[in-house]
mmCIF file of all heavy atoms, coordinates in Angstrom:
data_MODEL
# 
_entry.id   MODEL 
# 
loop_
_atom_site.group_PDB 
_atom_site.id 
_atom_site.type_symbol 
_atom_site.label_atom_id 
_atom_site.label_alt_id 
_atom_site.label_comp_id 
_atom_site.label_asym_id 
_atom_site.label_entity_id 
_atom_site.label_seq_id 
_atom_site.pdbx_PDB_ins_code 
_atom_site.Cartn_x 
_atom_site.Cartn_y 
_atom_site.Cartn_z 
_atom_site.occupancy 
_atom_site.B_iso_or_equiv 
_atom_site.pdbx_formal_charge 
_atom_site.auth_seq_id 
_atom_site.auth_comp_id 
_atom_site.auth_asym_id 
_atom_site.auth_atom_id 
_atom_site.pdbx_PDB_model_num 
ATOM 1   N N   . SER A 1 1  ? -3.200  8.390  -1.649  1.00 0.00 ? 1  SER A N   1 
ATOM 2   C CA  . SER A 1 1  ? -2.714  9.663  -1.111  1.00 0.00 ? 1  SER A CA  1 
ATOM 3   C C   . SER A 1 1  ? -3.634  10.278 -0.066  1.00 0.00 ? 1  SER A C   1 
ATOM 4   O O   . SER A 1 1  ? -3.156  11.005 0.822   1.00 0.00 ? 1  SER A O   1 
ATOM 5   C CB  . SER A 1 1  ? -2.491  10.667 -2.243  1.00 0.00 ? 1  SER A CB  1 
ATOM 6   O OG  . SER A 1 1  ? -3.695  10.956 -2.919  1.00 0.00 ? 1  SER A OG  1 
ATOM 7   N N   . THR A 1 2  ? -4.933  10.023 -0.134  1.00 0.00 ? 2  THR A N   1 
ATOM 8   C CA  . THR A 1 2  ? -5.849  10.659 0.823   1.00 0.00 ? 2  THR A CA  1 
ATOM 9   C C   . THR A 1 2  ? -6.372  9.696  1.880   1.00 0.00 ? 2  THR A C   1 
ATOM 10  O O   . THR A 1 2  ? -7.091  10.116 2.790   1.00 0.00 ? 2  THR A O   1 
ATOM 11  C CB  . THR A 1 2  ? -7.036  11.309 0.095   1.00 0.00 ? 2  THR A CB  1 
ATOM 12  O OG1 . THR A 1 2  ? -7.717  10.325 -0.688  1.00 0.00 ? 2  THR A OG1 1 
ATOM 13  C CG2 . THR A 1 2  ? -6.573  12.449 -0.803  1.00 0.00 ? 2  THR A CG2 1 
ATOM 14  N N   . THR A 1 3  ? -6.047  8.413  1.788   1.00 0.00 ? 3  THR A N   1 
ATOM 15  C CA  . THR A 1 3  ? -6.417  7.487  2.859   1.00 0.00 ? 3  THR A CA  1 
ATOM 16  C C   . THR A 1 3  ? -5.682  7.894  4.133   1.00 0.00 ? 3  THR A C   1 
ATOM 17  O O   . THR A 1 3  ? -4.455  7.992  4.131   1.00 0.00 ? 3  THR A O   1 
ATOM 18  C CB  . THR A 1 3  ? -6.036  6.039  2.498   1.00 0.00 ? 3  THR A CB  1 
ATOM 19  O OG1 . THR A 1 3  ? -6.722  5.657  1.303   1.00 0.00 ? 3  THR A OG1 1 
ATOM 20  C CG2 . THR A 1 3  ? -6.410  5.088  3.630   1.00 0.00 ? 3  THR A CG2 1 
ATOM 21  N N   . PRO A 1 4  ? -6.390  8.168  5.232   1.00 0.00 ? 4  PRO A N   1 
ATOM 22  C CA  . PRO A 1 4  ? -5.716  8.634  6.450   1.00 0.00 ? 4  PRO A CA  1 
ATOM 23  C C   . PRO A 1 4  ? -4.618  7.686  6.915   1.00 0.00 ? 4  PRO A C   1 
ATOM 24  O O   . PRO A 1 4  ? -4.728  6.456  6.788   1.00 0.00 ? 4  PRO A O   1 
ATOM 25  C CB  . PRO A 1 4  ? -6.862  8.719  7.465   1.00 0.00 ? 4  PRO A CB  1 
ATOM 26  C CG  . PRO A 1 4  ? -8.077  8.985  6.623   1.00 0.00 ? 4  PRO A CG  1 
ATOM 27  C CD  . PRO A 1 4  ? -7.862  8.188  5.371   1.00 0.00 ? 4  PRO A CD  1 
ATOM 28  N N   . ALA A 1 5  ? -3.568  8.264  7.470   1.00 0.00 ? 5  ALA A N   1 
ATOM 29  C CA  . ALA A 1 5  ? -2.395  7.494  7.883   1.00 0.00 ? 5  ALA A CA  1 
ATOM 30  C C   . ALA A 1 5  ? -2.732  6.429  8.912   1.00 0.00 ? 5  ALA A C   1 
ATOM 31  O O   . ALA A 1 5  ? -2.061  5.394  8.974   1.00 0.00 ? 5  ALA A O   1 
ATOM 32  C CB  . ALA A 1 5  ? -1.326  8.445  8.439   1.00 0.00 ? 5  ALA A CB  1 
ATOM 33  N N   . VAL A 1 6  ? -3.754  6.666  9.722   1.00 0.00 ? 6  VAL A N   1 
ATOM 34  C CA  . VAL A 1 6  ? -4.061  5.735  10.815  1.00 0.00 ? 6  VAL A CA  1 
ATOM 35  C C   . VAL A 1 6  ? -5.043  4.638  10.401  1.00 0.00 ? 6  VAL A C   1 
ATOM 36  O O   . VAL A 1 6  ? -5.346  3.747  11.202  1.00 0.00 ? 6  VAL A O   1 
ATOM 37  C CB  . VAL A 1 6  ? -4.631  6.488  12.040  1.00 0.00 ? 6  VAL A CB  1 
ATOM 38  C CG1 . VAL A 1 6  ? -3.583  7.429  12.608  1.00 0.00 ? 6  VAL A CG1 1 
ATOM 39  C CG2 . VAL A 1 6  ? -5.905  7.266  11.674  1.00 0.00 ? 6  VAL A CG2 1 
ATOM 40  N N   . TYR A 1 7  ? -5.541  4.662  9.176   1.00 0.00 ? 7  TYR A N   1 
ATOM 41  C CA  . TYR A 1 7  ? -6.539  3.688  8.752   1.00 0.00 ? 7  TYR A CA  1 
ATOM 42  C C   . TYR A 1 7  ? -5.913  2.320  8.463   1.00 0.00 ? 7  TYR A C   1 
ATOM 43  O O   . TYR A 1 7  ? -4.796  2.226  7.941   1.00 0.00 ? 7  TYR A O   1 
ATOM 44  C CB  . TYR A 1 7  ? -7.259  4.186  7.500   1.00 0.00 ? 7  TYR A CB  1 
ATOM 45  C CG  . TYR A 1 7  ? -8.508  4.993  7.770   1.00 0.00 ? 7  TYR A CG  1 
ATOM 46  C CD1 . TYR A 1 7  ? -8.666  5.689  8.974   1.00 0.00 ? 7  TYR A CD1 1 
ATOM 47  C CD2 . TYR A 1 7  ? -9.542  5.051  6.841   1.00 0.00 ? 7  TYR A CD2 1 
ATOM 48  C CE1 . TYR A 1 7  ? -9.804  6.434  9.218   1.00 0.00 ? 7  TYR A CE1 1 
ATOM 49  C CE2 . TYR A 1 7  ? -10.685 5.800  7.082   1.00 0.00 ? 7  TYR A CE2 1 
ATOM 50  C CZ  . TYR A 1 7  ? -10.816 6.480  8.278   1.00 0.00 ? 7  TYR A CZ  1 
ATOM 51  O OH  . TYR A 1 7  ? -11.945 7.201  8.523   1.00 0.00 ? 7  TYR A OH  1 
ATOM 52  N N   . ALA A 1 8  ? -6.670  1.259  8.752   1.00 0.00 ? 8  ALA A N   1 
ATOM 53  C CA  . ALA A 1 8  ? -6.228  -0.086 8.395   1.00 0.00 ? 8  ALA A CA  1 
ATOM 54  C C   . ALA A 1 8  ? -6.020  -0.213 6.889   1.00 0.00 ? 8  ALA A C   1 
ATOM 55  O O   . ALA A 1 8  ? -5.118  -0.938 6.443   1.00 0.00 ? 8  ALA A O   1 
ATOM 56  C CB  . ALA A 1 8  ? -7.255  -1.115 8.871   1.00 0.00 ? 8  ALA A CB  1 
ATOM 57  N N   . GLU A 1 9  ? -6.825  0.481  6.117   1.00 0.00 ? 9  GLU A N   1 
ATOM 58  C CA  . GLU A 1 9  ? -6.689  0.444  4.663   1.00 0.00 ? 9  GLU A CA  1 
ATOM 59  C C   . GLU A 1 9  ? -5.295  0.876  4.219   1.00 0.00 ? 9  GLU A C   1 
ATOM 60  O O   . GLU A 1 9  ? -4.769  0.364  3.220   1.00 0.00 ? 9  GLU A O   1 
ATOM 61  C CB  . GLU A 1 9  ? -7.753  1.329  4.011   1.00 0.00 ? 9  GLU A CB  1 
ATOM 62  C CG  . GLU A 1 9  ? -7.668  1.451  2.495   1.00 0.00 ? 9  GLU A CG  1 
ATOM 63  C CD  . GLU A 1 9  ? -7.839  0.116  1.773   1.00 0.00 ? 9  GLU A CD  1 
ATOM 64  O OE1 . GLU A 1 9  ? -8.342  -0.846 2.377   1.00 0.00 ? 9  GLU A OE1 1 
ATOM 65  O OE2 . GLU A 1 9  ? -7.466  0.048  0.579   1.00 0.00 ? 9  GLU A OE2 1 
ATOM 66  N N   . LYS A 1 10 ? -4.687  1.808  4.952   1.00 0.00 ? 10 LYS A N   1 
ATOM 67  C CA  . LYS A 1 10 ? -3.338  2.253  4.601   1.00 0.00 ? 10 LYS A CA  1 
ATOM 68  C C   . LYS A 1 10 ? -2.350  1.097  4.710   1.00 0.00 ? 10 LYS A C   1 
ATOM 69  O O   . LYS A 1 10 ? -1.427  0.974  3.881   1.00 0.00 ? 10 LYS A O   1 
ATOM 70  C CB  . LYS A 1 10 ? -2.910  3.412  5.507   1.00 0.00 ? 10 LYS A CB  1 
ATOM 71  C CG  . LYS A 1 10 ? -1.518  3.962  5.231   1.00 0.00 ? 10 LYS A CG  1 
ATOM 72  C CD  . LYS A 1 10 ? -1.396  4.574  3.843   1.00 0.00 ? 10 LYS A CD  1 
ATOM 73  C CE  . LYS A 1 10 ? -2.175  5.868  3.741   1.00 0.00 ? 10 LYS A CE  1 
ATOM 74  N NZ  . LYS A 1 10 ? -1.934  6.521  2.428   1.00 0.00 ? 10 LYS A NZ  1 
ATOM 75  N N   . ARG A 1 11 ? -2.520  0.239  5.683   1.00 0.00 ? 11 ARG A N   1 
ATOM 76  C CA  . ARG A 1 11 ? -1.628  -0.914 5.828   1.00 0.00 ? 11 ARG A CA  1 
ATOM 77  C C   . ARG A 1 11 ? -1.822  -1.913 4.680   1.00 0.00 ? 11 ARG A C   1 
ATOM 78  O O   . ARG A 1 11 ? -0.865  -2.488 4.174   1.00 0.00 ? 11 ARG A O   1 
ATOM 79  C CB  . ARG A 1 11 ? -1.848  -1.592 7.175   1.00 0.00 ? 11 ARG A CB  1 
ATOM 80  C CG  . ARG A 1 11 ? -1.134  -0.866 8.312   1.00 0.00 ? 11 ARG A CG  1 
ATOM 81  C CD  . ARG A 1 11 ? -2.097  -0.015 9.162   1.00 0.00 ? 11 ARG A CD  1 
ATOM 82  N NE  . ARG A 1 11 ? -1.328  0.885  9.999   1.00 0.00 ? 11 ARG A NE  1 
ATOM 83  C CZ  . ARG A 1 11 ? -1.313  2.218  9.843   1.00 0.00 ? 11 ARG A CZ  1 
ATOM 84  N NH1 . ARG A 1 11 ? -2.025  2.802  8.907   1.00 0.00 ? 11 ARG A NH1 1 
ATOM 85  N NH2 . ARG A 1 11 ? -0.580  2.969  10.628  1.00 0.00 ? 11 ARG A NH2 1 
ATOM 86  N N   . ARG A 1 12 ? -3.073  -2.100 4.273   1.00 0.00 ? 12 ARG A N   1 
ATOM 87  C CA  . ARG A 1 12 ? -3.326  -2.978 3.130   1.00 0.00 ? 12 ARG A CA  1 
ATOM 88  C C   . ARG A 1 12 ? -2.728  -2.386 1.850   1.00 0.00 ? 12 ARG A C   1 
ATOM 89  O O   . ARG A 1 12 ? -2.179  -3.112 1.010   1.00 0.00 ? 12 ARG A O   1 
ATOM 90  C CB  . ARG A 1 12 ? -4.827  -3.226 2.977   1.00 0.00 ? 12 ARG A CB  1 
ATOM 91  C CG  . ARG A 1 12 ? -5.442  -4.025 4.136   1.00 0.00 ? 12 ARG A CG  1 
ATOM 92  C CD  . ARG A 1 12 ? -6.855  -4.475 3.827   1.00 0.00 ? 12 ARG A CD  1 
ATOM 93  N NE  . ARG A 1 12 ? -7.806  -3.369 3.821   1.00 0.00 ? 12 ARG A NE  1 
ATOM 94  C CZ  . ARG A 1 12 ? -8.476  -2.932 4.884   1.00 0.00 ? 12 ARG A CZ  1 
ATOM 95  N NH1 . ARG A 1 12 ? -8.272  -3.500 6.071   1.00 0.00 ? 12 ARG A NH1 1 
ATOM 96  N NH2 . ARG A 1 12 ? -9.339  -1.942 4.789   1.00 0.00 ? 12 ARG A NH2 1 
ATOM 97  N N   . GLN A 1 13 ? -2.838  -1.068 1.713   1.00 0.00 ? 13 GLN A N   1 
ATOM 98  C CA  . GLN A 1 13 ? -2.228  -0.409 0.559   1.00 0.00 ? 13 GLN A CA  1 
ATOM 99  C C   . GLN A 1 13 ? -0.707  -0.583 0.576   1.00 0.00 ? 13 GLN A C   1 
ATOM 100 O O   . GLN A 1 13 ? -0.084  -0.763 -0.480  1.00 0.00 ? 13 GLN A O   1 
ATOM 101 C CB  . GLN A 1 13 ? -2.575  1.086  0.561   1.00 0.00 ? 13 GLN A CB  1 
ATOM 102 C CG  . GLN A 1 13 ? -4.038  1.376  0.273   1.00 0.00 ? 13 GLN A CG  1 
ATOM 103 C CD  . GLN A 1 13 ? -4.406  2.835  0.501   1.00 0.00 ? 13 GLN A CD  1 
ATOM 104 O OE1 . GLN A 1 13 ? -3.615  3.609  1.054   1.00 0.00 ? 13 GLN A OE1 1 
ATOM 105 N NE2 . GLN A 1 13 ? -5.614  3.209  0.093   1.00 0.00 ? 13 GLN A NE2 1 
ATOM 106 N N   . ALA A 1 14 ? -0.119  -0.529 1.766   1.00 0.00 ? 14 ALA A N   1 
ATOM 107 C CA  . ALA A 1 14 ? 1.325   -0.718 1.881   1.00 0.00 ? 14 ALA A CA  1 
ATOM 108 C C   . ALA A 1 14 ? 1.732   -2.107 1.395   1.00 0.00 ? 14 ALA A C   1 
ATOM 109 O O   . ALA A 1 14 ? 2.721   -2.267 0.654   1.00 0.00 ? 14 ALA A O   1 
ATOM 110 C CB  . ALA A 1 14 ? 1.770   -0.508 3.328   1.00 0.00 ? 14 ALA A CB  1 
ATOM 111 N N   . LYS A 1 15 ? 0.971   -3.113 1.779   1.00 0.00 ? 15 LYS A N   1 
ATOM 112 C CA  . LYS A 1 15 ? 1.289   -4.477 1.362   1.00 0.00 ? 15 LYS A CA  1 
ATOM 113 C C   . LYS A 1 15 ? 1.138   -4.625 -0.155  1.00 0.00 ? 15 LYS A C   1 
ATOM 114 O O   . LYS A 1 15 ? 1.985   -5.249 -0.823  1.00 0.00 ? 15 LYS A O   1 
ATOM 115 C CB  . LYS A 1 15 ? 0.390   -5.474 2.093   1.00 0.00 ? 15 LYS A CB  1 
ATOM 116 C CG  . LYS A 1 15 ? 0.789   -6.935 1.873   1.00 0.00 ? 15 LYS A CG  1 
ATOM 117 C CD  . LYS A 1 15 ? -0.048  -7.876 2.717   1.00 0.00 ? 15 LYS A CD  1 
ATOM 118 C CE  . LYS A 1 15 ? 0.308   -7.789 4.193   1.00 0.00 ? 15 LYS A CE  1 
ATOM 119 N NZ  . LYS A 1 15 ? -0.395  -8.833 4.992   1.00 0.00 ? 15 LYS A NZ  1 
ATOM 120 N N   . GLU A 1 16 ? 0.073   -4.050 -0.714  1.00 0.00 ? 16 GLU A N   1 
ATOM 121 C CA  . GLU A 1 16 ? -0.118  -4.124 -2.166  1.00 0.00 ? 16 GLU A CA  1 
ATOM 122 C C   . GLU A 1 16 ? 0.988   -3.377 -2.903  1.00 0.00 ? 16 GLU A C   1 
ATOM 123 O O   . GLU A 1 16 ? 1.407   -3.789 -3.998  1.00 0.00 ? 16 GLU A O   1 
ATOM 124 C CB  . GLU A 1 16 ? -1.490  -3.560 -2.538  1.00 0.00 ? 16 GLU A CB  1 
ATOM 125 C CG  . GLU A 1 16 ? -2.657  -4.434 -2.110  1.00 0.00 ? 16 GLU A CG  1 
ATOM 126 C CD  . GLU A 1 16 ? -2.561  -5.852 -2.666  1.00 0.00 ? 16 GLU A CD  1 
ATOM 127 O OE1 . GLU A 1 16 ? -2.295  -5.990 -3.884  1.00 0.00 ? 16 GLU A OE1 1 
ATOM 128 O OE2 . GLU A 1 16 ? -2.742  -6.812 -1.885  1.00 0.00 ? 16 GLU A OE2 1 
ATOM 129 N N   . THR A 1 17 ? 1.449   -2.270 -2.322  1.00 0.00 ? 17 THR A N   1 
ATOM 130 C CA  . THR A 1 17 ? 2.555   -1.515 -2.927  1.00 0.00 ? 17 THR A CA  1 
ATOM 131 C C   . THR A 1 17 ? 3.814   -2.374 -2.975  1.00 0.00 ? 17 THR A C   1 
ATOM 132 O O   . THR A 1 17 ? 4.535   -2.390 -3.979  1.00 0.00 ? 17 THR A O   1 
ATOM 133 C CB  . THR A 1 17 ? 2.805   -0.221 -2.132  1.00 0.00 ? 17 THR A CB  1 
ATOM 134 O OG1 . THR A 1 17 ? 1.637   0.610  -2.190  1.00 0.00 ? 17 THR A OG1 1 
ATOM 135 C CG2 . THR A 1 17 ? 3.995   0.549  -2.685  1.00 0.00 ? 17 THR A CG2 1 
ATOM 136 N N   . GLY A 1 18 ? 4.098   -3.102 -1.886  1.00 0.00 ? 18 GLY A N   1 
ATOM 137 C CA  . GLY A 1 18 ? 5.241   -4.003 -1.863  1.00 0.00 ? 18 GLY A CA  1 
ATOM 138 C C   . GLY A 1 18 ? 5.138   -5.103 -2.902  1.00 0.00 ? 18 GLY A C   1 
ATOM 139 O O   . GLY A 1 18 ? 6.130   -5.469 -3.555  1.00 0.00 ? 18 GLY A O   1 
ATOM 140 N N   . LYS A 1 19 ? 3.953   -5.646 -3.079  1.00 0.00 ? 19 LYS A N   1 
ATOM 141 C CA  . LYS A 1 19 ? 3.757   -6.677 -4.103  1.00 0.00 ? 19 LYS A CA  1 
ATOM 142 C C   . LYS A 1 19 ? 3.967   -6.102 -5.506  1.00 0.00 ? 19 LYS A C   1 
ATOM 143 O O   . LYS A 1 19 ? 4.607   -6.715 -6.368  1.00 0.00 ? 19 LYS A O   1 
ATOM 144 C CB  . LYS A 1 19 ? 2.345   -7.254 -3.998  1.00 0.00 ? 19 LYS A CB  1 
ATOM 145 C CG  . LYS A 1 19 ? 2.079   -8.094 -2.761  1.00 0.00 ? 19 LYS A CG  1 
ATOM 146 C CD  . LYS A 1 19 ? 0.631   -8.585 -2.755  1.00 0.00 ? 19 LYS A CD  1 
ATOM 147 C CE  . LYS A 1 19 ? 0.324   -9.420 -1.518  1.00 0.00 ? 19 LYS A CE  1 
ATOM 148 N NZ  . LYS A 1 19 ? -1.093  -9.848 -1.481  1.00 0.00 ? 19 LYS A NZ  1 
ATOM 149 N N   . ARG A 1 20 ? 3.436   -4.920 -5.713  1.00 0.00 ? 20 ARG A N   1 
ATOM 150 C CA  . ARG A 1 20 ? 3.466   -4.344 -7.063  1.00 0.00 ? 20 ARG A CA  1 
ATOM 151 C C   . ARG A 1 20 ? 4.890   -4.013 -7.516  1.00 0.00 ? 20 ARG A C   1 
ATOM 152 O O   . ARG A 1 20 ? 5.213   -4.181 -8.690  1.00 0.00 ? 20 ARG A O   1 
ATOM 153 C CB  . ARG A 1 20 ? 2.588   -3.094 -7.121  1.00 0.00 ? 20 ARG A CB  1 
ATOM 154 C CG  . ARG A 1 20 ? 2.561   -2.412 -8.477  1.00 0.00 ? 20 ARG A CG  1 
ATOM 155 C CD  . ARG A 1 20 ? 2.104   -3.321 -9.600  1.00 0.00 ? 20 ARG A CD  1 
ATOM 156 N NE  . ARG A 1 20 ? 2.361   -2.715 -10.910 1.00 0.00 ? 20 ARG A NE  1 
ATOM 157 C CZ  . ARG A 1 20 ? 2.570   -3.397 -12.018 1.00 0.00 ? 20 ARG A CZ  1 
ATOM 158 N NH1 . ARG A 1 20 ? 2.538   -4.726 -12.014 1.00 0.00 ? 20 ARG A NH1 1 
ATOM 159 N NH2 . ARG A 1 20 ? 2.808   -2.777 -13.155 1.00 0.00 ? 20 ARG A NH2 1 
ATOM 160 N N   . ILE A 1 21 ? 5.775   -3.569 -6.612  1.00 0.00 ? 21 ILE A N   1 
ATOM 161 C CA  . ILE A 1 21 ? 7.121   -3.205 -7.055  1.00 0.00 ? 21 ILE A CA  1 
ATOM 162 C C   . ILE A 1 21 ? 7.865   -4.419 -7.599  1.00 0.00 ? 21 ILE A C   1 
ATOM 163 O O   . ILE A 1 21 ? 8.640   -4.298 -8.556  1.00 0.00 ? 21 ILE A O   1 
ATOM 164 C CB  . ILE A 1 21 ? 7.925   -2.522 -5.926  1.00 0.00 ? 21 ILE A CB  1 
ATOM 165 C CG1 . ILE A 1 21 ? 9.259   -1.974 -6.475  1.00 0.00 ? 21 ILE A CG1 1 
ATOM 166 C CG2 . ILE A 1 21 ? 8.193   -3.470 -4.775  1.00 0.00 ? 21 ILE A CG2 1 
ATOM 167 C CD1 . ILE A 1 21 ? 9.125   -0.963 -7.583  1.00 0.00 ? 21 ILE A CD1 1 
ATOM 168 N N   . VAL A 1 22 ? 7.631   -5.594 -7.045  1.00 0.00 ? 22 VAL A N   1 
ATOM 169 C CA  . VAL A 1 22 ? 8.295   -6.799 -7.563  1.00 0.00 ? 22 VAL A CA  1 
ATOM 170 C C   . VAL A 1 22 ? 7.822   -7.080 -8.985  1.00 0.00 ? 22 VAL A C   1 
ATOM 171 O O   . VAL A 1 22 ? 8.620   -7.416 -9.880  1.00 0.00 ? 22 VAL A O   1 
ATOM 172 C CB  . VAL A 1 22 ? 8.043   -8.003 -6.640  1.00 0.00 ? 22 VAL A CB  1 
ATOM 173 C CG1 . VAL A 1 22 ? 8.714   -9.256 -7.206  1.00 0.00 ? 22 VAL A CG1 1 
ATOM 174 C CG2 . VAL A 1 22 ? 8.561   -7.723 -5.228  1.00 0.00 ? 22 VAL A CG2 1 
ATOM 175 N N   . GLU A 1 23 ? 6.528   -6.900 -9.227  1.00 0.00 ? 23 GLU A N   1 
ATOM 176 C CA  . GLU A 1 23 ? 6.002   -7.074 -10.579 1.00 0.00 ? 23 GLU A CA  1 
ATOM 177 C C   . GLU A 1 23 ? 6.595   -6.026 -11.519 1.00 0.00 ? 23 GLU A C   1 
ATOM 178 O O   . GLU A 1 23 ? 6.916   -6.332 -12.686 1.00 0.00 ? 23 GLU A O   1 
ATOM 179 C CB  . GLU A 1 23 ? 4.474   -6.956 -10.551 1.00 0.00 ? 23 GLU A CB  1 
ATOM 180 C CG  . GLU A 1 23 ? 3.779   -8.050 -9.747  1.00 0.00 ? 23 GLU A CG  1 
ATOM 181 C CD  . GLU A 1 23 ? 2.307   -7.752 -9.516  1.00 0.00 ? 23 GLU A CD  1 
ATOM 182 O OE1 . GLU A 1 23 ? 1.865   -6.623 -9.853  1.00 0.00 ? 23 GLU A OE1 1 
ATOM 183 O OE2 . GLU A 1 23 ? 1.600   -8.621 -8.994  1.00 0.00 ? 23 GLU A OE2 1 
ATOM 184 N N   . MET A 1 24 ? 6.743   -4.792 -11.053 1.00 0.00 ? 24 MET A N   1 
ATOM 185 C CA  . MET A 1 24 ? 7.302   -3.725 -11.890 1.00 0.00 ? 24 MET A CA  1 
ATOM 186 C C   . MET A 1 24 ? 8.746   -4.032 -12.283 1.00 0.00 ? 24 MET A C   1 
ATOM 187 O O   . MET A 1 24 ? 9.170   -3.735 -13.409 1.00 0.00 ? 24 MET A O   1 
ATOM 188 C CB  . MET A 1 24 ? 7.232   -2.386 -11.161 1.00 0.00 ? 24 MET A CB  1 
ATOM 189 C CG  . MET A 1 24 ? 5.830   -1.833 -10.996 1.00 0.00 ? 24 MET A CG  1 
ATOM 190 S SD  . MET A 1 24 ? 5.801   -0.332 -9.992  1.00 0.00 ? 24 MET A SD  1 
ATOM 191 C CE  . MET A 1 24 ? 6.727   0.811  -11.028 1.00 0.00 ? 24 MET A CE  1 
ATOM 192 N N   . VAL A 1 25 ? 9.517   -4.617 -11.355 1.00 0.00 ? 25 VAL A N   1 
ATOM 193 C CA  . VAL A 1 25 ? 10.893  -5.009 -11.680 1.00 0.00 ? 25 VAL A CA  1 
ATOM 194 C C   . VAL A 1 25 ? 10.884  -6.034 -12.802 1.00 0.00 ? 25 VAL A C   1 
ATOM 195 O O   . VAL A 1 25 ? 11.667  -5.945 -13.763 1.00 0.00 ? 25 VAL A O   1 
ATOM 196 C CB  . VAL A 1 25 ? 11.608  -5.547 -10.424 1.00 0.00 ? 25 VAL A CB  1 
ATOM 197 C CG1 . VAL A 1 25 ? 12.942  -6.194 -10.797 1.00 0.00 ? 25 VAL A CG1 1 
ATOM 198 C CG2 . VAL A 1 25 ? 11.829  -4.427 -9.409  1.00 0.00 ? 25 VAL A CG2 1 
# 
């Protein structure tokens, strides 16, 4: 939530979020 929108880390978090939802299903 506090990682700035423009940071590269935000993109890595986005990819991990995509991976995690498949596991949650």
